[in-house]
Amino acid sequence: MAKEFGQAVRRWRERIRPEAVGLPATGHRRTAGLRREELATLAGISVDYVVRLEQGHATNPSPQIVEALARALHLSDEERAYLYESAGLAPPGPDMVPVRIPPNVLRMIDRLDGAAVAVHDAAWTLLLANPLYTALVPDAAQWRGRERNAVWRVFMGTGSTLVRRSPEEQADFEEALAGDLRTTAGRYPADRALKELIAELRAGSPRFAELWDSGTVDRQVGGRKTFDHPEVGSMTLDCDILSVAGSDLRIIVYTAEPGTPDAERFARLARRSMAPAET
């Protein structure tokens, strides 16, 4: 099964043109498709793991890994189901937190020029980020495993962030995030991965355990956020959180008010995010 899975990943990787997923088609390429390092970046996994998967040396990939690969490879519903089955897994059912990004949502994101966009599932795990978002939040490109979950980063991570908040604002943010996760847990009580995340948070973070045990139920909302960015300086951006009917995805969109110094800095960051990487 591992060999079959690896062959499918490689076959589909080689058919995806870089420009179709927003990557520059520069430099010498052995195939017209994606390089392994490009697939690794899109899926949020290591290049070494992609190599081991394709060679059939990595067995039992997790559902999160399979879904990340299916999304990065732009698989159809039938291909996605085959990838799960070749990994020895059943495709997610309606009782699981949805992690599939529908094609219409991908097209919409491609058309949001000048905005920093990130897509999360209902448990606040990062599924997709456009180049401007990873320029705005540089650490996002390096997040692996639990680090890709915003709730885990807030309560269990380093705590470092470019967003400037007062202690009161941070407390409100934490309460809303924990309450939002409780709302999600109520909708997907059979999702084992979600249960494991909550158990880990309760065991490792007294603050999360306090908020969880209080029974708070909330919804994370947007607003205006001030970033202290290391490259372009301080800028305040509008943060809108959009939902997609039927998928329970959270799409975060950052934009700047036109004609302001914030917009100038944001545009400068956008130009840098689109510049081809040096080789």
C-alpha atoms as a PDB file:
ATOM      1  CA  MET A   1       0.000   0.000   0.000  1.00  0.00           C
ATOM      2  CA  ALA A   2       2.852   2.397   0.802  1.00  0.00           C
ATOM      3  CA  LYS A   3       4.318   1.936  -2.668  1.00  0.00           C
ATOM      4  CA  GLU A   4       0.938   2.511  -4.298  1.00  0.00           C
ATOM      5  CA  PHE A   5       0.419   5.666  -2.224  1.00  0.00           C
ATOM      6  CA  GLY A   6       3.879   7.014  -3.103  1.00  0.00           C
ATOM      7  CA  GLN A   7       3.426   6.363  -6.807  1.00  0.00           C
ATOM      8  CA  ALA A   8       0.126   8.235  -6.783  1.00  0.00           C
ATOM      9  CA  VAL A   9       1.638  11.242  -4.990  1.00  0.00           C
ATOM     10  CA  ARG A  10       4.536  11.420  -7.449  1.00  0.00           C
ATOM     11  CA  ARG A  11       2.292  10.998 -10.495  1.00  0.00           C
ATOM     12  CA  TRP A  12      -0.010  13.792  -9.373  1.00  0.00           C
ATOM     13  CA  ARG A  13       2.887  16.024  -8.309  1.00  0.00           C
ATOM     14  CA  GLU A  14       4.414  15.831 -11.762  1.00  0.00           C
ATOM     15  CA  ARG A  15       1.196  16.843 -13.491  1.00  0.00           C
ATOM     16  CA  ILE A  16       0.676  20.085 -11.503  1.00  0.00           C
ATOM     17  CA  ARG A  17       2.226  23.109 -13.185  1.00  0.00           C
ATOM     18  CA  PRO A  18       3.786  25.603 -10.725  1.00  0.00           C
ATOM     19  CA  GLU A  19       1.851  28.565 -12.098  1.00  0.00           C
ATOM     20  CA  ALA A  20      -1.414  26.710 -11.383  1.00  0.00           C
ATOM     21  CA  VAL A  21      -0.688  26.937  -7.651  1.00  0.00           C
ATOM     22  CA  GLY A  22       0.783  30.439  -7.640  1.00  0.00           C
ATOM     23  CA  LEU A  23       4.464  29.481  -7.912  1.00  0.00           C
ATOM     24  CA  PRO A  24       6.932  30.932 -10.452  1.00  0.00           C
ATOM     25  CA  ALA A  25       7.936  28.449 -13.160  1.00  0.00           C
ATOM     26  CA  THR A  26      11.602  29.478 -13.074  1.00  0.00           C
ATOM     27  CA  GLY A  27      14.861  27.569 -13.270  1.00  0.00           C
ATOM     28  CA  HIS A  28      15.664  24.231 -14.855  1.00  0.00           C
ATOM     29  CA  ARG A  29      13.041  21.547 -14.211  1.00  0.00           C
ATOM     30  CA  ARG A  30      13.329  17.833 -14.834  1.00  0.00           C
ATOM     31  CA  THR A  31       9.538  17.730 -15.262  1.00  0.00           C
ATOM     32  CA  ALA A  32       6.893  20.332 -15.962  1.00  0.00           C
ATOM     33  CA  GLY A  33       5.317  19.658 -12.579  1.00  0.00           C
ATOM     34  CA  LEU A  34       6.074  20.593  -8.990  1.00  0.00           C
ATOM     35  CA  ARG A  35       9.395  19.964  -7.334  1.00  0.00           C
ATOM     36  CA  ARG A  36       9.315  17.934  -4.143  1.00  0.00           C
ATOM     37  CA  GLU A  37      10.276  20.976  -2.070  1.00  0.00           C
ATOM     38  CA  GLU A  38       7.392  22.934  -3.616  1.00  0.00           C
ATOM     39  CA  LEU A  39       4.897  20.211  -2.747  1.00  0.00           C
ATOM     40  CA  ALA A  40       6.345  20.073   0.772  1.00  0.00           C
ATOM     41  CA  THR A  41       5.820  23.816   1.197  1.00  0.00           C
ATOM     42  CA  LEU A  42       2.256  23.692  -0.136  1.00  0.00           C
ATOM     43  CA  ALA A  43       1.348  20.739   2.095  1.00  0.00           C
ATOM     44  CA  GLY A  44       3.155  22.025   5.200  1.00  0.00           C
ATOM     45  CA  ILE A  45       5.410  18.971   5.583  1.00  0.00           C
ATOM     46  CA  SER A  46       9.152  18.388   5.245  1.00  0.00           C
ATOM     47  CA  VAL A  47      10.876  17.617   1.952  1.00  0.00           C
ATOM     48  CA  ASP A  48      12.419  14.526   3.524  1.00  0.00           C
ATOM     49  CA  TYR A  49       8.949  13.226   4.367  1.00  0.00           C
ATOM     50  CA  VAL A  50       7.758  13.774   0.779  1.00  0.00           C
ATOM     51  CA  VAL A  51      10.791  11.806  -0.460  1.00  0.00           C
ATOM     52  CA  ARG A  52      10.094   8.942   1.946  1.00  0.00           C
ATOM     53  CA  LEU A  53       6.404   8.885   1.008  1.00  0.00           C
ATOM     54  CA  GLU A  54       7.115   8.771  -2.714  1.00  0.00           C
ATOM     55  CA  GLN A  55       9.700   6.027  -2.266  1.00  0.00           C
ATOM     56  CA  GLY A  56       7.318   3.948  -0.156  1.00  0.00           C
ATOM     57  CA  HIS A  57       9.525   4.176   2.931  1.00  0.00           C
ATOM     58  CA  ALA A  58       7.050   6.111   5.091  1.00  0.00           C
ATOM     59  CA  THR A  59       4.069   4.055   6.195  1.00  0.00           C
ATOM     60  CA  ASN A  60       0.764   4.968   7.836  1.00  0.00           C
ATOM     61  CA  PRO A  61       0.535   8.691   6.968  1.00  0.00           C
ATOM     62  CA  SER A  62      -1.966  10.479   9.179  1.00  0.00           C
ATOM     63  CA  PRO A  63      -5.319  11.744   7.866  1.00  0.00           C
ATOM     64  CA  GLN A  64      -3.978  15.300   8.248  1.00  0.00           C
ATOM     65  CA  ILE A  65      -1.003  14.510   5.996  1.00  0.00           C
ATOM     66  CA  VAL A  66      -3.177  12.792   3.390  1.00  0.00           C
ATOM     67  CA  GLU A  67      -5.604  15.701   3.325  1.00  0.00           C
ATOM     68  CA  ALA A  68      -2.782  18.255   3.071  1.00  0.00           C
ATOM     69  CA  LEU A  69      -1.350  16.383   0.080  1.00  0.00           C
ATOM     70  CA  ALA A  70      -4.774  16.053  -1.559  1.00  0.00           C
ATOM     71  CA  ARG A  71      -5.312  19.785  -1.180  1.00  0.00           C
ATOM     72  CA  ALA A  72      -1.847  20.739  -2.435  1.00  0.00           C
ATOM     73  CA  LEU A  73      -2.213  18.427  -5.438  1.00  0.00           C
ATOM     74  CA  HIS A  74      -5.677  19.810  -6.317  1.00  0.00           C
ATOM     75  CA  LEU A  75      -7.180  16.314  -6.418  1.00  0.00           C
ATOM     76  CA  SER A  76     -10.718  15.598  -7.527  1.00  0.00           C
ATOM     77  CA  ASP A  77     -13.147  13.954  -5.088  1.00  0.00           C
ATOM     78  CA  GLU A  78     -12.462  10.552  -6.658  1.00  0.00           C
ATOM     79  CA  GLU A  79      -8.674  11.018  -6.537  1.00  0.00           C
ATOM     80  CA  ARG A  80      -8.860  12.221  -2.935  1.00  0.00           C
ATOM     81  CA  ALA A  81     -10.831   9.119  -1.949  1.00  0.00           C
ATOM     82  CA  TYR A  82      -8.263   6.907  -3.719  1.00  0.00           C
ATOM     83  CA  LEU A  83      -5.398   8.609  -1.885  1.00  0.00           C
ATOM     84  CA  TYR A  84      -7.075   7.952   1.471  1.00  0.00           C
ATOM     85  CA  GLU A  85      -7.769   4.339   0.569  1.00  0.00           C
ATOM     86  CA  SER A  86      -4.204   3.731  -0.652  1.00  0.00           C
ATOM     87  CA  ALA A  87      -3.030   5.050   2.741  1.00  0.00           C
ATOM     88  CA  GLY A  88      -5.261   2.498   4.473  1.00  0.00           C
ATOM     89  CA  LEU A  89      -7.670   5.189   5.653  1.00  0.00           C
ATOM     90  CA  ALA A  90     -11.349   5.874   5.125  1.00  0.00           C
ATOM     91  CA  PRO A  91     -12.170   9.290   3.629  1.00  0.00           C
ATOM     92  CA  PRO A  92     -13.485  11.658   6.316  1.00  0.00           C
ATOM     93  CA  GLY A  93     -17.206  11.496   6.972  1.00  0.00           C
ATOM     94  CA  PRO A  94     -19.653  14.197   8.072  1.00  0.00           C
ATOM     95  CA  ASP A  95     -18.795  13.641  11.750  1.00  0.00           C
ATOM     96  CA  MET A  96     -15.215  14.868  11.223  1.00  0.00           C
ATOM     97  CA  VAL A  97     -13.989  18.465  11.111  1.00  0.00           C
ATOM     98  CA  PRO A  98     -13.972  19.269   7.361  1.00  0.00           C
ATOM     99  CA  VAL A  99     -10.514  19.995   5.977  1.00  0.00           C
ATOM    100  CA  ARG A 100     -11.204  19.952   2.251  1.00  0.00           C
ATOM    101  CA  ILE A 101     -11.067  23.308   0.484  1.00  0.00           C
ATOM    102  CA  PRO A 102     -13.589  23.278  -2.384  1.00  0.00           C
ATOM    103  CA  PRO A 103     -12.353  24.360  -5.836  1.00  0.00           C
ATOM    104  CA  ASN A 104     -14.615  27.425  -5.823  1.00  0.00           C
ATOM    105  CA  VAL A 105     -12.958  28.618  -2.599  1.00  0.00           C
ATOM    106  CA  LEU A 106      -9.502  28.129  -4.120  1.00  0.00           C
ATOM    107  CA  ARG A 107     -10.581  30.191  -7.131  1.00  0.00           C
ATOM    108  CA  MET A 108     -11.931  32.918  -4.876  1.00  0.00           C
ATOM    109  CA  ILE A 109      -8.646  33.080  -2.948  1.00  0.00           C
ATOM    110  CA  ASP A 110      -6.689  33.362  -6.200  1.00  0.00           C
ATOM    111  CA  ARG A 111      -8.761  36.437  -7.061  1.00  0.00           C
ATOM    112  CA  LEU A 112      -8.162  38.243  -3.753  1.00  0.00           C
ATOM    113  CA  ASP A 113      -5.236  40.263  -5.064  1.00  0.00           C
ATOM    114  CA  GLY A 114      -3.665  42.610  -2.546  1.00  0.00           C
ATOM    115  CA  ALA A 115      -5.029  40.727   0.469  1.00  0.00           C
ATOM    116  CA  ALA A 116      -3.278  38.388   2.884  1.00  0.00           C
ATOM    117  CA  VAL A 117      -5.437  35.264   3.055  1.00  0.00           C
ATOM    118  CA  ALA A 118      -5.296  32.154   5.234  1.00  0.00           C
ATOM    119  CA  VAL A 119      -7.768  29.275   5.371  1.00  0.00           C
ATOM    120  CA  HIS A 120      -8.316  27.363   8.622  1.00  0.00           C
ATOM    121  CA  ASP A 121     -10.582  24.491   9.480  1.00  0.00           C
ATOM    122  CA  ALA A 122     -13.165  24.773  12.252  1.00  0.00           C
ATOM    123  CA  ALA A 123     -10.550  23.723  14.842  1.00  0.00           C
ATOM    124  CA  TRP A 124      -8.267  26.574  13.710  1.00  0.00           C
ATOM    125  CA  THR A 125      -5.658  24.439  11.961  1.00  0.00           C
ATOM    126  CA  LEU A 126      -4.036  26.274   9.064  1.00  0.00           C
ATOM    127  CA  LEU A 127      -4.870  24.610   5.750  1.00  0.00           C
ATOM    128  CA  LEU A 128      -3.699  27.158   3.197  1.00  0.00           C
ATOM    129  CA  ALA A 129      -1.968  30.538   3.132  1.00  0.00           C
ATOM    130  CA  ASN A 130      -1.293  32.752   0.134  1.00  0.00           C
ATOM    131  CA  PRO A 131       2.159  34.332  -0.418  1.00  0.00           C
ATOM    132  CA  LEU A 132       1.156  37.675   1.100  1.00  0.00           C
ATOM    133  CA  TYR A 133      -0.040  35.977   4.300  1.00  0.00           C
ATOM    134  CA  THR A 134       3.261  34.138   4.700  1.00  0.00           C
ATOM    135  CA  ALA A 135       5.037  37.440   4.120  1.00  0.00           C
ATOM    136  CA  LEU A 136       2.867  39.063   6.789  1.00  0.00           C
ATOM    137  CA  VAL A 137       3.342  36.120   9.174  1.00  0.00           C
ATOM    138  CA  PRO A 138       6.787  34.766   8.200  1.00  0.00           C
ATOM    139  CA  ASP A 139       6.732  31.905  10.724  1.00  0.00           C
ATOM    140  CA  ALA A 140       3.713  30.376   8.953  1.00  0.00           C
ATOM    141  CA  ALA A 141       5.919  28.811   6.279  1.00  0.00           C
ATOM    142  CA  GLN A 142       7.801  26.869   8.981  1.00  0.00           C
ATOM    143  CA  TRP A 143       4.870  25.615  11.040  1.00  0.00           C
ATOM    144  CA  ARG A 144       4.626  21.834  11.225  1.00  0.00           C
ATOM    145  CA  GLY A 145       2.252  19.485  13.010  1.00  0.00           C
ATOM    146  CA  ARG A 146       0.584  21.044  16.048  1.00  0.00           C
ATOM    147  CA  GLU A 147       2.209  24.406  15.272  1.00  0.00           C
ATOM    148  CA  ARG A 148      -0.261  24.795  12.409  1.00  0.00           C
ATOM    149  CA  ASN A 149      -3.103  25.002  14.936  1.00  0.00           C
ATOM    150  CA  ALA A 150      -3.724  28.558  16.147  1.00  0.00           C
ATOM    151  CA  VAL A 151      -5.225  27.463  19.471  1.00  0.00           C
ATOM    152  CA  TRP A 152      -2.187  25.314  20.239  1.00  0.00           C
ATOM    153  CA  ARG A 153       0.215  28.143  19.358  1.00  0.00           C
ATOM    154  CA  VAL A 154      -1.597  30.602  21.615  1.00  0.00           C
ATOM    155  CA  PHE A 155      -1.786  28.329  24.664  1.00  0.00           C
ATOM    156  CA  MET A 156       1.135  25.934  24.182  1.00  0.00           C
ATOM    157  CA  GLY A 157       3.580  27.572  21.798  1.00  0.00           C
ATOM    158  CA  THR A 158       6.264  30.182  22.301  1.00  0.00           C
ATOM    159  CA  GLY A 159       3.688  32.912  22.623  1.00  0.00           C
ATOM    160  CA  SER A 160       5.611  35.107  20.187  1.00  0.00           C
ATOM    161  CA  THR A 161       3.510  37.047  17.731  1.00  0.00           C
ATOM    162  CA  LEU A 162       3.771  40.090  15.513  1.00  0.00           C
ATOM    163  CA  VAL A 163       0.291  41.241  16.572  1.00  0.00           C
ATOM    164  CA  ARG A 164       0.334  43.908  19.267  1.00  0.00           C
ATOM    165  CA  ARG A 165      -2.265  43.364  22.015  1.00  0.00           C
ATOM    166  CA  SER A 166      -2.771  44.790  25.477  1.00  0.00           C
ATOM    167  CA  PRO A 167      -3.073  42.284  28.360  1.00  0.00           C
ATOM    168  CA  GLU A 168      -6.829  42.817  28.361  1.00  0.00           C
ATOM    169  CA  GLU A 169      -7.058  42.272  24.604  1.00  0.00           C
ATOM    170  CA  GLN A 170      -4.954  39.125  24.884  1.00  0.00           C
ATOM    171  CA  ALA A 171      -7.223  37.745  27.602  1.00  0.00           C
ATOM    172  CA  ASP A 172     -10.315  38.430  25.476  1.00  0.00           C
ATOM    173  CA  PHE A 173      -8.622  36.839  22.453  1.00  0.00           C
ATOM    174  CA  GLU A 174      -7.790  33.693  24.427  1.00  0.00           C
ATOM    175  CA  GLU A 175     -11.325  33.435  25.796  1.00  0.00           C
ATOM    176  CA  ALA A 176     -12.851  33.793  22.314  1.00  0.00           C
ATOM    177  CA  LEU A 177     -10.471  31.218  20.857  1.00  0.00           C
ATOM    178  CA  ALA A 178     -11.191  28.629  23.566  1.00  0.00           C
ATOM    179  CA  GLY A 179     -14.921  29.304  23.296  1.00  0.00           C
ATOM    180  CA  ASP A 180     -14.802  28.943  19.520  1.00  0.00           C
ATOM    181  CA  LEU A 181     -13.066  25.574  19.860  1.00  0.00           C
ATOM    182  CA  ARG A 182     -15.757  24.430  22.312  1.00  0.00           C
ATOM    183  CA  THR A 183     -18.409  25.368  19.746  1.00  0.00           C
ATOM    184  CA  THR A 184     -16.574  23.266  17.151  1.00  0.00           C
ATOM    185  CA  ALA A 185     -16.293  20.331  19.580  1.00  0.00           C
ATOM    186  CA  GLY A 186     -20.045  20.452  20.018  1.00  0.00           C
ATOM    187  CA  ARG A 187     -20.574  20.129  16.276  1.00  0.00           C
ATOM    188  CA  TYR A 188     -18.071  17.289  15.824  1.00  0.00           C
ATOM    189  CA  PRO A 189     -18.226  15.182  19.012  1.00  0.00           C
ATOM    190  CA  ALA A 190     -16.938  12.050  17.227  1.00  0.00           C
ATOM    191  CA  ASP A 191     -13.766  13.624  15.807  1.00  0.00           C
ATOM    192  CA  ARG A 192     -10.931  11.806  17.579  1.00  0.00           C
ATOM    193  CA  ALA A 193      -8.196  14.196  16.399  1.00  0.00           C
ATOM    194  CA  LEU A 194     -10.157  17.124  17.835  1.00  0.00           C
ATOM    195  CA  LYS A 195     -10.587  15.283  21.149  1.00  0.00           C
ATOM    196  CA  GLU A 196      -6.832  14.636  21.276  1.00  0.00           C
ATOM    197  CA  LEU A 197      -6.083  18.309  20.635  1.00  0.00           C
ATOM    198  CA  ILE A 198      -8.417  19.425  23.428  1.00  0.00           C
ATOM    199  CA  ALA A 199      -6.987  16.854  25.846  1.00  0.00           C
ATOM    200  CA  GLU A 200      -3.445  18.012  25.088  1.00  0.00           C
ATOM    201  CA  LEU A 201      -4.411  21.655  25.596  1.00  0.00           C
ATOM    202  CA  ARG A 202      -6.163  20.948  28.908  1.00  0.00           C
ATOM    203  CA  ALA A 203      -3.200  18.948  30.194  1.00  0.00           C
ATOM    204  CA  GLY A 204      -0.522  21.402  29.059  1.00  0.00           C
ATOM    205  CA  SER A 205      -2.088  24.828  29.557  1.00  0.00           C
ATOM    206  CA  PRO A 206      -3.656  25.867  32.891  1.00  0.00           C
ATOM    207  CA  ARG A 207      -5.083  28.940  31.187  1.00  0.00           C
ATOM    208  CA  PHE A 208      -6.849  26.848  28.520  1.00  0.00           C
ATOM    209  CA  ALA A 209      -8.059  24.362  31.142  1.00  0.00           C
ATOM    210  CA  GLU A 210      -9.527  27.237  33.166  1.00  0.00           C
ATOM    211  CA  LEU A 211     -11.348  28.662  30.152  1.00  0.00           C
ATOM    212  CA  TRP A 212     -12.516  25.236  28.997  1.00  0.00           C
ATOM    213  CA  ASP A 213     -13.827  24.212  32.394  1.00  0.00           C
ATOM    214  CA  SER A 214     -15.698  27.510  32.678  1.00  0.00           C
ATOM    215  CA  GLY A 215     -17.900  26.331  29.796  1.00  0.00           C
ATOM    216  CA  THR A 216     -17.348  29.426  27.718  1.00  0.00           C
ATOM    217  CA  VAL A 217     -18.859  29.272  24.232  1.00  0.00           C
ATOM    218  CA  ASP A 218     -17.846  31.962  21.789  1.00  0.00           C
ATOM    219  CA  ARG A 219     -17.022  32.763  18.185  1.00  0.00           C
ATOM    220  CA  GLN A 220     -13.726  34.197  16.998  1.00  0.00           C
ATOM    221  CA  VAL A 221     -14.311  37.490  15.202  1.00  0.00           C
ATOM    222  CA  GLY A 222     -12.146  39.856  13.218  1.00  0.00           C
ATOM    223  CA  GLY A 223     -11.538  43.542  13.772  1.00  0.00           C
ATOM    224  CA  ARG A 224      -8.420  45.670  13.376  1.00  0.00           C
ATOM    225  CA  LYS A 225      -4.988  44.308  14.233  1.00  0.00           C
ATOM    226  CA  THR A 226      -1.662  46.086  14.544  1.00  0.00           C
ATOM    227  CA  PHE A 227       1.391  44.184  13.307  1.00  0.00           C
ATOM    228  CA  ASP A 228       4.936  45.064  14.311  1.00  0.00           C
ATOM    229  CA  HIS A 229       6.517  43.661  11.181  1.00  0.00           C
ATOM    230  CA  PRO A 230      10.311  43.212  11.067  1.00  0.00           C
ATOM    231  CA  GLU A 231      10.604  44.298   7.419  1.00  0.00           C
ATOM    232  CA  VAL A 232       8.089  47.087   6.835  1.00  0.00           C
ATOM    233  CA  GLY A 233       7.385  48.327  10.359  1.00  0.00           C
ATOM    234  CA  SER A 234       4.154  48.848  12.253  1.00  0.00           C
ATOM    235  CA  MET A 235       0.858  48.710  10.349  1.00  0.00           C
ATOM    236  CA  THR A 236      -2.774  48.346  11.324  1.00  0.00           C
ATOM    237  CA  LEU A 237      -4.865  46.093   9.102  1.00  0.00           C
ATOM    238  CA  ASP A 238      -8.523  45.146   8.857  1.00  0.00           C
ATOM    239  CA  CYS A 239      -9.073  41.491   9.718  1.00  0.00           C
ATOM    240  CA  ASP A 240     -12.220  39.845   8.355  1.00  0.00           C
ATOM    241  CA  ILE A 241     -13.135  36.223   9.088  1.00  0.00           C
ATOM    242  CA  LEU A 242     -15.333  34.730   6.391  1.00  0.00           C
ATOM    243  CA  SER A 243     -17.220  31.443   6.564  1.00  0.00           C
ATOM    244  CA  VAL A 244     -18.089  29.137   3.682  1.00  0.00           C
ATOM    245  CA  ALA A 245     -21.489  27.475   3.684  1.00  0.00           C
ATOM    246  CA  GLY A 246     -21.272  23.699   3.873  1.00  0.00           C
ATOM    247  CA  SER A 247     -17.537  23.500   4.603  1.00  0.00           C
ATOM    248  CA  ASP A 248     -17.165  25.143   8.041  1.00  0.00           C
ATOM    249  CA  LEU A 249     -13.906  26.761   6.929  1.00  0.00           C
ATOM    250  CA  ARG A 250     -12.580  30.010   8.404  1.00  0.00           C
ATOM    251  CA  ILE A 251     -11.058  32.336   5.823  1.00  0.00           C
ATOM    252  CA  ILE A 252      -9.014  35.147   7.347  1.00  0.00           C
ATOM    253  CA  VAL A 253      -8.522  38.145   5.072  1.00  0.00           C
ATOM    254  CA  TYR A 254      -6.178  41.023   5.963  1.00  0.00           C
ATOM    255  CA  THR A 255      -6.468  44.281   4.038  1.00  0.00           C
ATOM    256  CA  ALA A 256      -5.312  47.866   4.539  1.00  0.00           C
ATOM    257  CA  GLU A 257      -7.343  51.065   4.326  1.00  0.00           C
ATOM    258  CA  PRO A 258      -6.519  52.699   0.959  1.00  0.00           C
ATOM    259  CA  GLY A 259      -4.523  55.911   0.961  1.00  0.00           C
ATOM    260  CA  THR A 260      -2.944  55.374   4.382  1.00  0.00           C
ATOM    261  CA  PRO A 261       0.664  54.775   5.439  1.00  0.00           C
ATOM    262  CA  ASP A 262      -0.517  51.295   6.455  1.00  0.00           C
ATOM    263  CA  ALA A 263      -1.582  50.645   2.861  1.00  0.00           C
ATOM    264  CA  GLU A 264       1.815  51.798   1.574  1.00  0.00           C
ATOM    265  CA  ARG A 265       3.636  49.420   3.919  1.00  0.00           C
ATOM    266  CA  PHE A 266       1.248  46.577   3.070  1.00  0.00           C
ATOM    267  CA  ALA A 267       1.762  47.174  -0.654  1.00  0.00           C
ATOM    268  CA  ARG A 268       5.523  47.104  -0.125  1.00  0.00           C
ATOM    269  CA  LEU A 269       5.170  43.779   1.635  1.00  0.00           C
ATOM    270  CA  ALA A 270       2.991  42.486  -1.226  1.00  0.00           C
ATOM    271  CA  ARG A 271       5.659  43.404  -3.788  1.00  0.00           C
ATOM    272  CA  ARG A 272       8.263  41.534  -1.770  1.00  0.00           C
ATOM    273  CA  SER A 273       6.033  38.474  -1.513  1.00  0.00           C
ATOM    274  CA  MET A 274       5.677  38.343  -5.304  1.00  0.00           C
ATOM    275  CA  ALA A 275       9.377  38.820  -6.066  1.00  0.00           C
ATOM    276  CA  PRO A 276      10.998  35.636  -7.482  1.00  0.00           C
ATOM    277  CA  ALA A 277      13.313  33.875  -5.060  1.00  0.00           C
ATOM    278  CA  GLU A 278      17.017  34.092  -5.768  1.00  0.00           C
ATOM    279  CA  THR A 279      18.671  30.937  -7.049  1.00  0.00           C
END
